[in-house]
Amino acid sequence: MDLALAMVEADLGRKVALAIARRHVLFRIRPGGQSQFSAELVAQSTDNPKIKKLAVKVTAQPRADWRTDILAAEAGVSRRSLSRLFRMGLDVSPADFVERVRTDLARRRLLETDDNVEAIAVTCGFGSLRRMDRAFARSMSASPTEFRSRFKTNGAKHVAF
């Protein structure tokens, strides 16, 4: 798939390649109501370089303090401008984007490792299991433990991040 997308990008451009990726790339296991696209993939599709740069930083360091004022300082814009850029480019607030990145990472770790749920919460930047529970309730209508028991297969890989 990666090779095919690289060829499409070379022939038709990045926008077309990202549109195809968004249409065809699905998570291995996805419950009903969960977004089809990862936050990182959605951020790649925006034309705004400031949002792309922030998305790379947030994804690379999910445990960092990514409050809106810190994101705005990283982008060199006001908090209000940052919120407007995220709404226009991604149709989410900066805080919602950070939460989605962390939730995507936590979901993958729940399915691909046997790590303790509390350790996953800390590693993915939630700080506590309670905060991760709330994020999962908002996005998946299930707790992290329920999500793991419902969707983890016995043959899941044990991947260390």
C-alpha atoms as a PDB file:
ATOM      1  CA  MET A   1       0.000   0.000   0.000  1.00  0.00           C
ATOM      2  CA  ASP A   2       2.836   2.397   0.873  1.00  0.00           C
ATOM      3  CA  LEU A   3       4.520   1.799  -2.470  1.00  0.00           C
ATOM      4  CA  ALA A   4       1.270   2.347  -4.357  1.00  0.00           C
ATOM      5  CA  LEU A   5       0.644   5.602  -2.483  1.00  0.00           C
ATOM      6  CA  ALA A   6       4.209   6.765  -3.183  1.00  0.00           C
ATOM      7  CA  MET A   7       3.664   6.107  -6.884  1.00  0.00           C
ATOM      8  CA  VAL A   8       0.350   7.976  -6.865  1.00  0.00           C
ATOM      9  CA  GLU A   9       2.016  10.902  -5.071  1.00  0.00           C
ATOM     10  CA  ALA A  10       4.829  10.985  -7.639  1.00  0.00           C
ATOM     11  CA  ASP A  11       2.361  10.980 -10.537  1.00  0.00           C
ATOM     12  CA  LEU A  12      -0.611  12.933  -9.210  1.00  0.00           C
ATOM     13  CA  GLY A  13       0.613  14.834  -6.148  1.00  0.00           C
ATOM     14  CA  ARG A  14       0.381  14.650  -2.372  1.00  0.00           C
ATOM     15  CA  LYS A  15      -3.265  15.764  -2.121  1.00  0.00           C
ATOM     16  CA  VAL A  16      -4.482  12.910  -4.306  1.00  0.00           C
ATOM     17  CA  ALA A  17      -2.294  10.372  -2.456  1.00  0.00           C
ATOM     18  CA  LEU A  18      -3.647  11.541   0.922  1.00  0.00           C
ATOM     19  CA  ALA A  19      -7.226  11.390  -0.348  1.00  0.00           C
ATOM     20  CA  ILE A  20      -6.664   7.790  -1.445  1.00  0.00           C
ATOM     21  CA  ALA A  21      -5.017   6.939   1.884  1.00  0.00           C
ATOM     22  CA  ARG A  22      -7.934   8.426   3.813  1.00  0.00           C
ATOM     23  CA  ARG A  23     -10.380   6.434   1.713  1.00  0.00           C
ATOM     24  CA  HIS A  24      -8.583   3.095   1.925  1.00  0.00           C
ATOM     25  CA  VAL A  25      -6.570   2.981   5.133  1.00  0.00           C
ATOM     26  CA  LEU A  26      -8.578   1.423   7.945  1.00  0.00           C
ATOM     27  CA  PHE A  27      -7.571   0.374  11.410  1.00  0.00           C
ATOM     28  CA  ARG A  28      -7.353  -3.378  11.876  1.00  0.00           C
ATOM     29  CA  ILE A  29     -10.110  -3.342  14.501  1.00  0.00           C
ATOM     30  CA  ARG A  30     -12.578  -0.474  14.729  1.00  0.00           C
ATOM     31  CA  PRO A  31     -15.746  -0.439  16.801  1.00  0.00           C
ATOM     32  CA  GLY A  32     -18.849   1.307  15.520  1.00  0.00           C
ATOM     33  CA  GLY A  33     -18.857   5.034  16.039  1.00  0.00           C
ATOM     34  CA  GLN A  34     -15.067   5.287  16.143  1.00  0.00           C
ATOM     35  CA  SER A  35     -13.474   7.584  13.605  1.00  0.00           C
ATOM     36  CA  GLN A  36     -12.001   5.807  10.610  1.00  0.00           C
ATOM     37  CA  PHE A  37      -9.027   8.149  10.371  1.00  0.00           C
ATOM     38  CA  SER A  38      -6.182   8.642  12.778  1.00  0.00           C
ATOM     39  CA  ALA A  39      -5.573  12.181  13.985  1.00  0.00           C
ATOM     40  CA  GLU A  40      -2.127  12.048  12.407  1.00  0.00           C
ATOM     41  CA  LEU A  41      -3.497  11.111   8.970  1.00  0.00           C
ATOM     42  CA  VAL A  42      -6.114  13.848   9.136  1.00  0.00           C
ATOM     43  CA  ALA A  43      -3.441  16.431  10.052  1.00  0.00           C
ATOM     44  CA  GLN A  44      -1.326  15.388   7.066  1.00  0.00           C
ATOM     45  CA  SER A  45      -4.172  16.324   4.741  1.00  0.00           C
ATOM     46  CA  THR A  46      -4.275  19.988   5.759  1.00  0.00           C
ATOM     47  CA  ASP A  47      -2.560  22.615   3.653  1.00  0.00           C
ATOM     48  CA  ASN A  48      -1.451  24.589   6.704  1.00  0.00           C
ATOM     49  CA  PRO A  49       2.261  24.026   7.471  1.00  0.00           C
ATOM     50  CA  LYS A  50       1.872  25.233  11.068  1.00  0.00           C
ATOM     51  CA  ILE A  51      -0.729  22.557  11.805  1.00  0.00           C
ATOM     52  CA  LYS A  52       1.368  19.885  10.080  1.00  0.00           C
ATOM     53  CA  LYS A  53       4.431  20.878  12.142  1.00  0.00           C
ATOM     54  CA  LEU A  54       2.444  20.788  15.391  1.00  0.00           C
ATOM     55  CA  ALA A  55       0.900  17.435  14.476  1.00  0.00           C
ATOM     56  CA  VAL A  56       4.360  15.935  13.998  1.00  0.00           C
ATOM     57  CA  LYS A  57       5.518  17.292  17.371  1.00  0.00           C
ATOM     58  CA  VAL A  58       2.419  16.141  19.262  1.00  0.00           C
ATOM     59  CA  THR A  59       2.589  12.684  17.687  1.00  0.00           C
ATOM     60  CA  ALA A  60       6.313  12.351  18.444  1.00  0.00           C
ATOM     61  CA  GLN A  61       5.923  13.493  22.069  1.00  0.00           C
ATOM     62  CA  PRO A  62       2.407  12.658  23.295  1.00  0.00           C
ATOM     63  CA  ARG A  63       3.479  12.912  26.953  1.00  0.00           C
ATOM     64  CA  ALA A  64       4.578  16.542  26.594  1.00  0.00           C
ATOM     65  CA  ASP A  65       2.480  19.365  28.013  1.00  0.00           C
ATOM     66  CA  TRP A  66       0.367  20.349  25.000  1.00  0.00           C
ATOM     67  CA  ARG A  67      -1.952  22.949  26.476  1.00  0.00           C
ATOM     68  CA  THR A  68      -3.347  25.377  23.922  1.00  0.00           C
ATOM     69  CA  ASP A  69      -1.062  28.227  25.012  1.00  0.00           C
ATOM     70  CA  ILE A  70       2.003  25.999  24.537  1.00  0.00           C
ATOM     71  CA  LEU A  71       0.804  24.851  21.103  1.00  0.00           C
ATOM     72  CA  ALA A  72       0.167  28.481  20.135  1.00  0.00           C
ATOM     73  CA  ALA A  73       3.682  29.481  21.225  1.00  0.00           C
ATOM     74  CA  GLU A  74       5.149  26.571  19.206  1.00  0.00           C
ATOM     75  CA  ALA A  75       3.240  27.762  16.131  1.00  0.00           C
ATOM     76  CA  GLY A  76       4.063  31.424  16.737  1.00  0.00           C
ATOM     77  CA  VAL A  77       0.411  32.508  16.822  1.00  0.00           C
ATOM     78  CA  SER A  78      -2.099  33.590  19.442  1.00  0.00           C
ATOM     79  CA  ARG A  79      -4.332  31.026  21.149  1.00  0.00           C
ATOM     80  CA  ARG A  80      -7.301  32.423  19.296  1.00  0.00           C
ATOM     81  CA  SER A  81      -5.519  32.186  15.927  1.00  0.00           C
ATOM     82  CA  LEU A  82      -4.423  28.634  16.713  1.00  0.00           C
ATOM     83  CA  SER A  83      -7.994  27.627  17.504  1.00  0.00           C
ATOM     84  CA  ARG A  84      -9.170  29.192  14.258  1.00  0.00           C
ATOM     85  CA  LEU A  85      -6.433  27.397  12.262  1.00  0.00           C
ATOM     86  CA  PHE A  86      -7.370  24.029  13.777  1.00  0.00           C
ATOM     87  CA  ARG A  87     -11.097  24.596  13.224  1.00  0.00           C
ATOM     88  CA  MET A  88     -10.543  25.611   9.592  1.00  0.00           C
ATOM     89  CA  GLY A  89      -7.925  22.966   8.823  1.00  0.00           C
ATOM     90  CA  LEU A  90      -9.048  19.958  10.865  1.00  0.00           C
ATOM     91  CA  ASP A  91     -12.527  20.830  12.152  1.00  0.00           C
ATOM     92  CA  VAL A  92     -11.424  20.228  15.768  1.00  0.00           C
ATOM     93  CA  SER A  93     -10.029  22.321  18.588  1.00  0.00           C
ATOM     94  CA  PRO A  94      -6.313  22.022  19.415  1.00  0.00           C
ATOM     95  CA  ALA A  95      -7.183  20.240  22.678  1.00  0.00           C
ATOM     96  CA  ASP A  96      -9.411  17.753  20.839  1.00  0.00           C
ATOM     97  CA  PHE A  97      -6.611  17.059  18.362  1.00  0.00           C
ATOM     98  CA  VAL A  98      -4.130  16.315  21.175  1.00  0.00           C
ATOM     99  CA  GLU A  99      -6.676  14.053  22.853  1.00  0.00           C
ATOM    100  CA  ARG A 100      -7.269  12.182  19.582  1.00  0.00           C
ATOM    101  CA  VAL A 101      -3.535  11.622  19.081  1.00  0.00           C
ATOM    102  CA  ARG A 102      -3.233  10.262  22.612  1.00  0.00           C
ATOM    103  CA  THR A 103      -6.342   8.117  22.245  1.00  0.00           C
ATOM    104  CA  ASP A 104      -5.116   6.658  18.931  1.00  0.00           C
ATOM    105  CA  LEU A 105      -1.797   5.752  20.544  1.00  0.00           C
ATOM    106  CA  ALA A 106      -3.466   4.286  23.640  1.00  0.00           C
ATOM    107  CA  ARG A 107      -5.854   2.253  21.518  1.00  0.00           C
ATOM    108  CA  ARG A 108      -2.953   0.749  19.555  1.00  0.00           C
ATOM    109  CA  ARG A 109      -1.032  -0.068  22.743  1.00  0.00           C
ATOM    110  CA  LEU A 110      -4.102  -1.681  24.300  1.00  0.00           C
ATOM    111  CA  LEU A 111      -4.472  -3.943  21.282  1.00  0.00           C
ATOM    112  CA  GLU A 112      -0.812  -4.647  20.526  1.00  0.00           C
ATOM    113  CA  THR A 113       0.719  -5.024  24.001  1.00  0.00           C
ATOM    114  CA  ASP A 114      -0.088  -6.563  27.359  1.00  0.00           C
ATOM    115  CA  ASP A 115       1.034  -3.397  29.167  1.00  0.00           C
ATOM    116  CA  ASN A 116      -0.853  -2.350  32.281  1.00  0.00           C
ATOM    117  CA  VAL A 117      -3.706   0.051  31.459  1.00  0.00           C
ATOM    118  CA  GLU A 118      -2.462   2.659  33.947  1.00  0.00           C
ATOM    119  CA  ALA A 119       1.035   2.526  32.423  1.00  0.00           C
ATOM    120  CA  ILE A 120      -0.476   3.027  28.974  1.00  0.00           C
ATOM    121  CA  ALA A 121      -2.374   6.088  30.253  1.00  0.00           C
ATOM    122  CA  VAL A 122       0.858   7.671  31.483  1.00  0.00           C
ATOM    123  CA  THR A 123       2.934   6.662  28.438  1.00  0.00           C
ATOM    124  CA  CYS A 124       0.353   8.097  26.036  1.00  0.00           C
ATOM    125  CA  GLY A 125       0.222  11.455  27.800  1.00  0.00           C
ATOM    126  CA  PHE A 126      -3.035  11.263  29.728  1.00  0.00           C
ATOM    127  CA  GLY A 127      -1.243  11.457  33.070  1.00  0.00           C
ATOM    128  CA  SER A 128      -3.774   9.248  34.820  1.00  0.00           C
ATOM    129  CA  LEU A 129      -6.103   6.363  34.105  1.00  0.00           C
ATOM    130  CA  ARG A 130      -9.073   8.536  35.059  1.00  0.00           C
ATOM    131  CA  ARG A 131      -8.303  11.060  32.280  1.00  0.00           C
ATOM    132  CA  MET A 132      -7.817   8.258  29.751  1.00  0.00           C
ATOM    133  CA  ASP A 133     -11.112   6.669  30.868  1.00  0.00           C
ATOM    134  CA  ARG A 134     -12.910   9.955  30.158  1.00  0.00           C
ATOM    135  CA  ALA A 135     -11.267  10.335  26.743  1.00  0.00           C
ATOM    136  CA  PHE A 136     -12.240   6.778  25.783  1.00  0.00           C
ATOM    137  CA  ALA A 137     -15.802   7.322  27.018  1.00  0.00           C
ATOM    138  CA  ARG A 138     -16.080  10.386  24.764  1.00  0.00           C
ATOM    139  CA  SER A 139     -14.618   8.786  21.657  1.00  0.00           C
ATOM    140  CA  MET A 140     -15.493   5.093  21.940  1.00  0.00           C
ATOM    141  CA  SER A 141     -18.238   4.798  24.533  1.00  0.00           C
ATOM    142  CA  ALA A 142     -16.145   2.230  26.403  1.00  0.00           C
ATOM    143  CA  SER A 143     -13.464   2.224  29.049  1.00  0.00           C
ATOM    144  CA  PRO A 144      -9.925   1.272  27.990  1.00  0.00           C
ATOM    145  CA  THR A 145     -10.294  -2.071  29.770  1.00  0.00           C
ATOM    146  CA  GLU A 146     -13.612  -2.779  28.011  1.00  0.00           C
ATOM    147  CA  PHE A 147     -12.084  -1.754  24.691  1.00  0.00           C
ATOM    148  CA  ARG A 148      -9.137  -4.126  25.189  1.00  0.00           C
ATOM    149  CA  SER A 149     -11.284  -7.073  26.221  1.00  0.00           C
ATOM    150  CA  ARG A 150     -13.696  -6.506  23.347  1.00  0.00           C
ATOM    151  CA  PHE A 151     -11.218  -5.987  20.508  1.00  0.00           C
ATOM    152  CA  LYS A 152      -7.844  -7.524  21.366  1.00  0.00           C
ATOM    153  CA  THR A 153      -7.219 -10.791  19.560  1.00  0.00           C
ATOM    154  CA  ASN A 154      -5.233 -13.605  21.139  1.00  0.00           C
ATOM    155  CA  GLY A 155      -2.663 -13.412  18.357  1.00  0.00           C
ATOM    156  CA  ALA A 156      -1.929  -9.709  18.845  1.00  0.00           C
ATOM    157  CA  LYS A 157       1.690  -8.674  18.498  1.00  0.00           C
ATOM    158  CA  HIS A 158       3.625  -7.562  21.522  1.00  0.00           C
ATOM    159  CA  VAL A 159       5.178  -4.329  20.333  1.00  0.00           C
ATOM    160  CA  ALA A 160       7.273  -2.072  22.533  1.00  0.00           C
ATOM    161  CA  PHE A 161       7.121   1.640  21.763  1.00  0.00           C
END
